[in-house]
Each structure stands twice: as structure tokens, then as C-alpha cells.
Amino acid sequence: MSIKLPYFPRGFEIYDVATKTSHKPYQIRYVRTAVGWYNVYLIGLDGAEQCINLSPAEFFDHFPSVSPRAVVGCMDVGVDVVEALGFDVEFVIEREAATA
């Protein structure tokens, strides 16, 4: 059983006792559009966002735990998911360095 952890800003390392691993999460938010597709936003530390548009099939391939009835939501994801979605991770890291 996995325990939901509270949101920590990117840069804080989170240790998962169950899997004995640690990671630095990225926060994303998603919004279902009027035509049923999903806009997915990668949120930067200073509020800067990158956006991609996914079909329902692509969206649920990446996020199977999200309810098909969900209209809006957010979650913390690892770097592998962020890169698989096609976001520019270097952009986020550079923006965080500039605001630190």
C-alpha cells in the first residue's frame, strides 16, 4: 500500500519507504477541453507553464489512474513521465535556477 505524500516544491527530495527509492517530483495539471481532449501543463516553480494537448487515448495511456469523468486535476510525476510526454525538462530546471 502506497501512502500519498503532500506536495513539495521541486528540488526537495522525497524518499518512498515502501520502494526504498527517492525522487524529485514535477507537478502537472490537466484540464479536459470542450471536445474531450486534455491540455496537460507542466508547472514550473515560478508559475511558468508548458502545455501539451493529448487525445483521450494518449492521456489514459500515461495516466490510467485518472477517472474518465475527471475534468480538472493535478498530480506529482517523475522525470520519466515528463520526458515521455515531450516536455522540455531543461526549461524547468533553468527557470528554477534563475529564481533560486
N, C-alpha and C. Protein backbone atom coordinates (compact mmCIF):
# COMPACT_ATOMS: atom_id res chain seq x y z
N MET A 1 0.84 -1.18 0.00
CA MET A 1 0.00 0.00 0.00
C MET A 1 0.88 1.24 0.00
N SER A 2 0.59 2.15 -0.90
CA SER A 2 1.37 3.36 -1.01
C SER A 2 0.65 4.51 -0.29
N ILE A 3 1.41 5.34 0.36
CA ILE A 3 0.85 6.48 1.07
C ILE A 3 1.02 7.73 0.23
N LYS A 4 -0.05 8.54 0.10
CA LYS A 4 0.02 9.79 -0.64
C LYS A 4 0.86 10.78 0.15
N LEU A 5 1.85 11.37 -0.49
CA LEU A 5 2.70 12.36 0.15
C LEU A 5 2.20 13.76 -0.18
N PRO A 6 2.39 14.71 0.71
CA PRO A 6 2.00 16.09 0.39
C PRO A 6 2.90 16.66 -0.69
N TYR A 7 2.44 17.75 -1.33
CA TYR A 7 3.24 18.39 -2.38
C TYR A 7 4.45 19.06 -1.77
N PHE A 8 5.61 18.84 -2.36
CA PHE A 8 6.83 19.53 -2.01
C PHE A 8 7.33 20.23 -3.26
N PRO A 9 7.85 21.44 -3.15
CA PRO A 9 8.38 22.10 -4.35
C PRO A 9 9.49 21.27 -4.97
N ARG A 10 9.62 21.35 -6.28
CA ARG A 10 10.67 20.63 -6.97
C ARG A 10 12.01 21.02 -6.37
N GLY A 11 12.85 20.06 -6.13
CA GLY A 11 14.13 20.32 -5.50
C GLY A 11 14.22 19.64 -4.14
N PHE A 12 13.07 19.41 -3.50
CA PHE A 12 13.04 18.66 -2.27
C PHE A 12 12.97 17.19 -2.63
N GLU A 13 13.90 16.43 -2.10
CA GLU A 13 13.92 15.01 -2.41
C GLU A 13 12.93 14.28 -1.52
N ILE A 14 12.12 13.42 -2.12
CA ILE A 14 11.14 12.64 -1.38
C ILE A 14 11.59 11.19 -1.37
N TYR A 15 11.62 10.61 -0.18
CA TYR A 15 12.03 9.22 -0.02
C TYR A 15 10.79 8.37 0.19
N ASP A 16 10.60 7.37 -0.64
CA ASP A 16 9.47 6.44 -0.53
C ASP A 16 9.93 5.22 0.25
N VAL A 17 9.42 5.07 1.45
CA VAL A 17 9.84 3.98 2.33
C VAL A 17 9.47 2.62 1.74
N ALA A 18 8.31 2.54 1.09
CA ALA A 18 7.84 1.26 0.55
C ALA A 18 8.77 0.71 -0.53
N THR A 19 9.23 1.57 -1.42
CA THR A 19 10.09 1.11 -2.52
C THR A 19 11.57 1.39 -2.27
N LYS A 20 11.87 2.08 -1.19
CA LYS A 20 13.25 2.45 -0.83
C LYS A 20 13.94 3.22 -1.96
N THR A 21 13.18 4.14 -2.56
CA THR A 21 13.73 4.99 -3.61
C THR A 21 13.41 6.44 -3.28
N SER A 22 14.12 7.34 -3.94
CA SER A 22 13.84 8.76 -3.75
C SER A 22 13.74 9.41 -5.11
N HIS A 23 13.03 10.52 -5.16
CA HIS A 23 12.87 11.24 -6.41
C HIS A 23 12.51 12.70 -6.13
N LYS A 24 12.66 13.51 -7.14
CA LYS A 24 12.26 14.91 -7.08
C LYS A 24 11.11 15.07 -8.06
N PRO A 25 9.89 15.24 -7.56
CA PRO A 25 8.73 15.24 -8.45
C PRO A 25 8.55 16.54 -9.23
N TYR A 26 7.85 16.42 -10.33
CA TYR A 26 7.38 17.55 -11.11
C TYR A 26 5.88 17.60 -10.91
N GLN A 27 5.31 18.81 -10.89
CA GLN A 27 3.87 18.91 -10.76
C GLN A 27 3.27 19.23 -12.11
N ILE A 28 2.22 18.49 -12.46
CA ILE A 28 1.47 18.77 -13.68
C ILE A 28 0.01 18.99 -13.31
N ARG A 29 -0.69 19.70 -14.18
CA ARG A 29 -2.13 19.83 -14.03
C ARG A 29 -2.74 19.53 -15.38
N TYR A 30 -3.98 19.08 -15.36
CA TYR A 30 -4.65 18.76 -16.62
C TYR A 30 -6.06 19.32 -16.61
N VAL A 31 -6.54 19.65 -17.80
CA VAL A 31 -7.89 20.19 -17.98
C VAL A 31 -8.47 19.53 -19.22
N ARG A 32 -9.68 18.98 -19.08
CA ARG A 32 -10.35 18.40 -20.24
C ARG A 32 -11.00 19.53 -21.04
N THR A 33 -10.79 19.53 -22.34
CA THR A 33 -11.33 20.58 -23.19
C THR A 33 -12.79 20.29 -23.56
N ALA A 34 -13.42 21.23 -24.23
CA ALA A 34 -14.83 21.08 -24.63
C ALA A 34 -15.03 19.92 -25.60
N VAL A 35 -13.98 19.58 -26.36
CA VAL A 35 -14.10 18.48 -27.33
C VAL A 35 -13.60 17.14 -26.77
N GLY A 36 -13.23 17.12 -25.48
CA GLY A 36 -12.85 15.87 -24.83
C GLY A 36 -11.37 15.56 -24.79
N TRP A 37 -10.54 16.39 -25.39
CA TRP A 37 -9.10 16.20 -25.32
C TRP A 37 -8.60 16.80 -24.00
N TYR A 38 -7.33 16.60 -23.70
CA TYR A 38 -6.77 17.07 -22.44
C TYR A 38 -5.58 18.01 -22.69
N ASN A 39 -5.62 19.18 -22.06
CA ASN A 39 -4.46 20.06 -22.01
C ASN A 39 -3.71 19.71 -20.74
N VAL A 40 -2.44 19.37 -20.89
CA VAL A 40 -1.61 18.99 -19.75
C VAL A 40 -0.53 20.04 -19.61
N TYR A 41 -0.39 20.60 -18.40
CA TYR A 41 0.54 21.68 -18.12
C TYR A 41 1.61 21.20 -17.16
N LEU A 42 2.88 21.47 -17.49
CA LEU A 42 3.98 21.24 -16.57
C LEU A 42 4.22 22.55 -15.85
N ILE A 43 4.06 22.54 -14.54
CA ILE A 43 4.13 23.77 -13.76
C ILE A 43 5.55 23.97 -13.25
N GLY A 44 6.12 25.13 -13.56
CA GLY A 44 7.43 25.49 -13.07
C GLY A 44 7.34 26.11 -11.68
N LEU A 45 8.46 26.23 -10.99
CA LEU A 45 8.49 26.74 -9.63
C LEU A 45 7.98 28.18 -9.56
N ASP A 46 8.24 28.98 -10.59
CA ASP A 46 7.83 30.39 -10.57
C ASP A 46 6.49 30.60 -11.25
N GLY A 47 5.77 29.54 -11.54
CA GLY A 47 4.46 29.66 -12.17
C GLY A 47 4.49 29.56 -13.68
N ALA A 48 5.67 29.53 -14.29
CA ALA A 48 5.76 29.37 -15.74
C ALA A 48 5.29 27.97 -16.11
N GLU A 49 4.53 27.87 -17.20
CA GLU A 49 3.97 26.59 -17.58
C GLU A 49 4.28 26.25 -19.03
N GLN A 50 4.41 24.98 -19.29
CA GLN A 50 4.45 24.46 -20.65
C GLN A 50 3.17 23.66 -20.83
N CYS A 51 2.64 23.65 -22.04
CA CYS A 51 1.37 22.97 -22.29
C CYS A 51 1.49 22.04 -23.48
N ILE A 52 0.87 20.87 -23.37
CA ILE A 52 0.72 19.96 -24.50
C ILE A 52 -0.74 19.53 -24.54
N ASN A 53 -1.19 19.11 -25.70
CA ASN A 53 -2.56 18.67 -25.89
C ASN A 53 -2.54 17.19 -26.22
N LEU A 54 -3.31 16.39 -25.47
CA LEU A 54 -3.33 14.93 -25.66
C LEU A 54 -4.74 14.45 -25.98
N SER A 55 -4.82 13.47 -26.86
CA SER A 55 -6.09 12.81 -27.11
C SER A 55 -6.45 12.00 -25.87
N PRO A 56 -7.72 11.63 -25.71
CA PRO A 56 -8.09 10.81 -24.55
C PRO A 56 -7.30 9.51 -24.47
N ALA A 57 -7.06 8.87 -25.61
CA ALA A 57 -6.31 7.61 -25.60
C ALA A 57 -4.88 7.82 -25.10
N GLU A 58 -4.21 8.86 -25.60
CA GLU A 58 -2.84 9.16 -25.14
C GLU A 58 -2.83 9.52 -23.66
N PHE A 59 -3.80 10.33 -23.25
CA PHE A 59 -3.86 10.75 -21.86
C PHE A 59 -3.99 9.56 -20.92
N PHE A 60 -4.90 8.64 -21.21
CA PHE A 60 -5.11 7.50 -20.33
C PHE A 60 -4.01 6.44 -20.45
N ASP A 61 -3.24 6.47 -21.55
CA ASP A 61 -2.05 5.61 -21.62
C ASP A 61 -1.03 6.05 -20.57
N HIS A 62 -0.89 7.36 -20.40
CA HIS A 62 0.08 7.90 -19.44
C HIS A 62 -0.46 7.95 -18.01
N PHE A 63 -1.77 8.16 -17.86
CA PHE A 63 -2.37 8.32 -16.55
C PHE A 63 -3.60 7.41 -16.38
N PRO A 64 -3.40 6.11 -16.28
CA PRO A 64 -4.54 5.19 -16.19
C PRO A 64 -5.33 5.32 -14.89
N SER A 65 -4.74 5.91 -13.86
CA SER A 65 -5.44 6.02 -12.58
C SER A 65 -6.43 7.19 -12.52
N VAL A 66 -6.41 8.06 -13.53
CA VAL A 66 -7.33 9.20 -13.57
C VAL A 66 -8.69 8.72 -14.06
N SER A 67 -9.73 9.18 -13.39
CA SER A 67 -11.10 8.80 -13.77
C SER A 67 -11.46 9.40 -15.13
N PRO A 68 -12.13 8.65 -15.99
CA PRO A 68 -12.57 9.21 -17.27
C PRO A 68 -13.56 10.36 -17.12
N ARG A 69 -14.15 10.49 -15.94
CA ARG A 69 -15.09 11.59 -15.69
C ARG A 69 -14.39 12.85 -15.17
N ALA A 70 -13.08 12.76 -14.89
CA ALA A 70 -12.35 13.91 -14.35
C ALA A 70 -12.28 15.03 -15.39
N VAL A 71 -12.49 16.25 -14.93
CA VAL A 71 -12.45 17.42 -15.80
C VAL A 71 -11.18 18.22 -15.58
N VAL A 72 -10.73 18.29 -14.34
CA VAL A 72 -9.53 19.03 -14.00
C VAL A 72 -8.84 18.31 -12.84
N GLY A 73 -7.51 18.41 -12.78
CA GLY A 73 -6.78 17.77 -11.69
C GLY A 73 -5.31 18.11 -11.73
N CYS A 74 -4.60 17.65 -10.73
CA CYS A 74 -3.15 17.84 -10.69
C CYS A 74 -2.52 16.63 -10.03
N MET A 75 -1.23 16.44 -10.27
CA MET A 75 -0.52 15.31 -9.68
C MET A 75 0.98 15.56 -9.76
N ASP A 76 1.70 14.86 -8.91
CA ASP A 76 3.16 14.87 -8.96
C ASP A 76 3.61 13.66 -9.75
N VAL A 77 4.54 13.89 -10.69
CA VAL A 77 5.04 12.81 -11.53
C VAL A 77 6.56 12.87 -11.57
N GLY A 78 7.15 11.76 -11.97
CA GLY A 78 8.59 11.68 -12.08
C GLY A 78 9.10 12.20 -13.42
N VAL A 79 10.39 12.31 -13.52
CA VAL A 79 11.01 12.84 -14.72
C VAL A 79 10.76 11.96 -15.93
N ASP A 80 10.61 10.64 -15.73
CA ASP A 80 10.36 9.75 -16.86
C ASP A 80 9.02 10.05 -17.53
N VAL A 81 7.99 10.35 -16.74
CA VAL A 81 6.69 10.70 -17.30
C VAL A 81 6.76 12.04 -18.02
N VAL A 82 7.45 13.00 -17.42
CA VAL A 82 7.59 14.33 -18.01
C VAL A 82 8.28 14.25 -19.37
N GLU A 83 9.34 13.47 -19.45
CA GLU A 83 10.07 13.33 -20.71
C GLU A 83 9.24 12.53 -21.73
N ALA A 84 8.51 11.52 -21.27
CA ALA A 84 7.68 10.73 -22.19
C ALA A 84 6.57 11.58 -22.81
N LEU A 85 6.08 12.56 -22.07
CA LEU A 85 5.04 13.45 -22.59
C LEU A 85 5.61 14.47 -23.57
N GLY A 86 6.93 14.66 -23.56
CA GLY A 86 7.55 15.58 -24.51
C GLY A 86 7.81 16.98 -23.96
N PHE A 87 7.72 17.15 -22.65
CA PHE A 87 8.02 18.44 -22.06
C PHE A 87 9.52 18.70 -22.07
N ASP A 88 9.90 19.96 -22.06
CA ASP A 88 11.30 20.37 -22.02
C ASP A 88 11.72 20.48 -20.55
N VAL A 89 12.34 19.45 -20.02
CA VAL A 89 12.74 19.41 -18.62
C VAL A 89 13.82 20.44 -18.34
N GLU A 90 14.71 20.67 -19.30
CA GLU A 90 15.77 21.66 -19.11
C GLU A 90 15.20 23.05 -18.89
N PHE A 91 14.08 23.36 -19.54
CA PHE A 91 13.42 24.65 -19.35
C PHE A 91 13.03 24.84 -17.89
N VAL A 92 12.47 23.82 -17.28
CA VAL A 92 12.05 23.90 -15.88
C VAL A 92 13.25 24.06 -14.98
N ILE A 93 14.30 23.28 -15.22
CA ILE A 93 15.50 23.34 -14.38
C ILE A 93 16.15 24.72 -14.48
N GLU A 94 16.22 25.29 -15.70
CA GLU A 94 16.80 26.62 -15.87
C GLU A 94 15.97 27.68 -15.16
N ARG A 95 14.63 27.59 -15.25
CA ARG A 95 13.76 28.57 -14.61
C ARG A 95 13.91 28.49 -13.09
N GLU A 96 14.04 27.26 -12.57
CA GLU A 96 14.20 27.09 -11.12
C GLU A 96 15.53 27.68 -10.65
N ALA A 97 16.58 27.48 -11.43
CA ALA A 97 17.89 28.03 -11.08
C ALA A 97 17.86 29.55 -11.07
N ALA A 98 17.11 30.13 -12.00
CA ALA A 98 17.04 31.60 -12.09
C ALA A 98 16.28 32.20 -10.92
N THR A 99 15.32 31.47 -10.36
CA THR A 99 14.52 32.00 -9.26
C THR A 99 15.08 31.64 -7.88
N ALA A 100 16.08 30.77 -7.85
CA ALA A 100 16.64 30.34 -6.57
C ALA A 100 17.56 31.39 -5.99
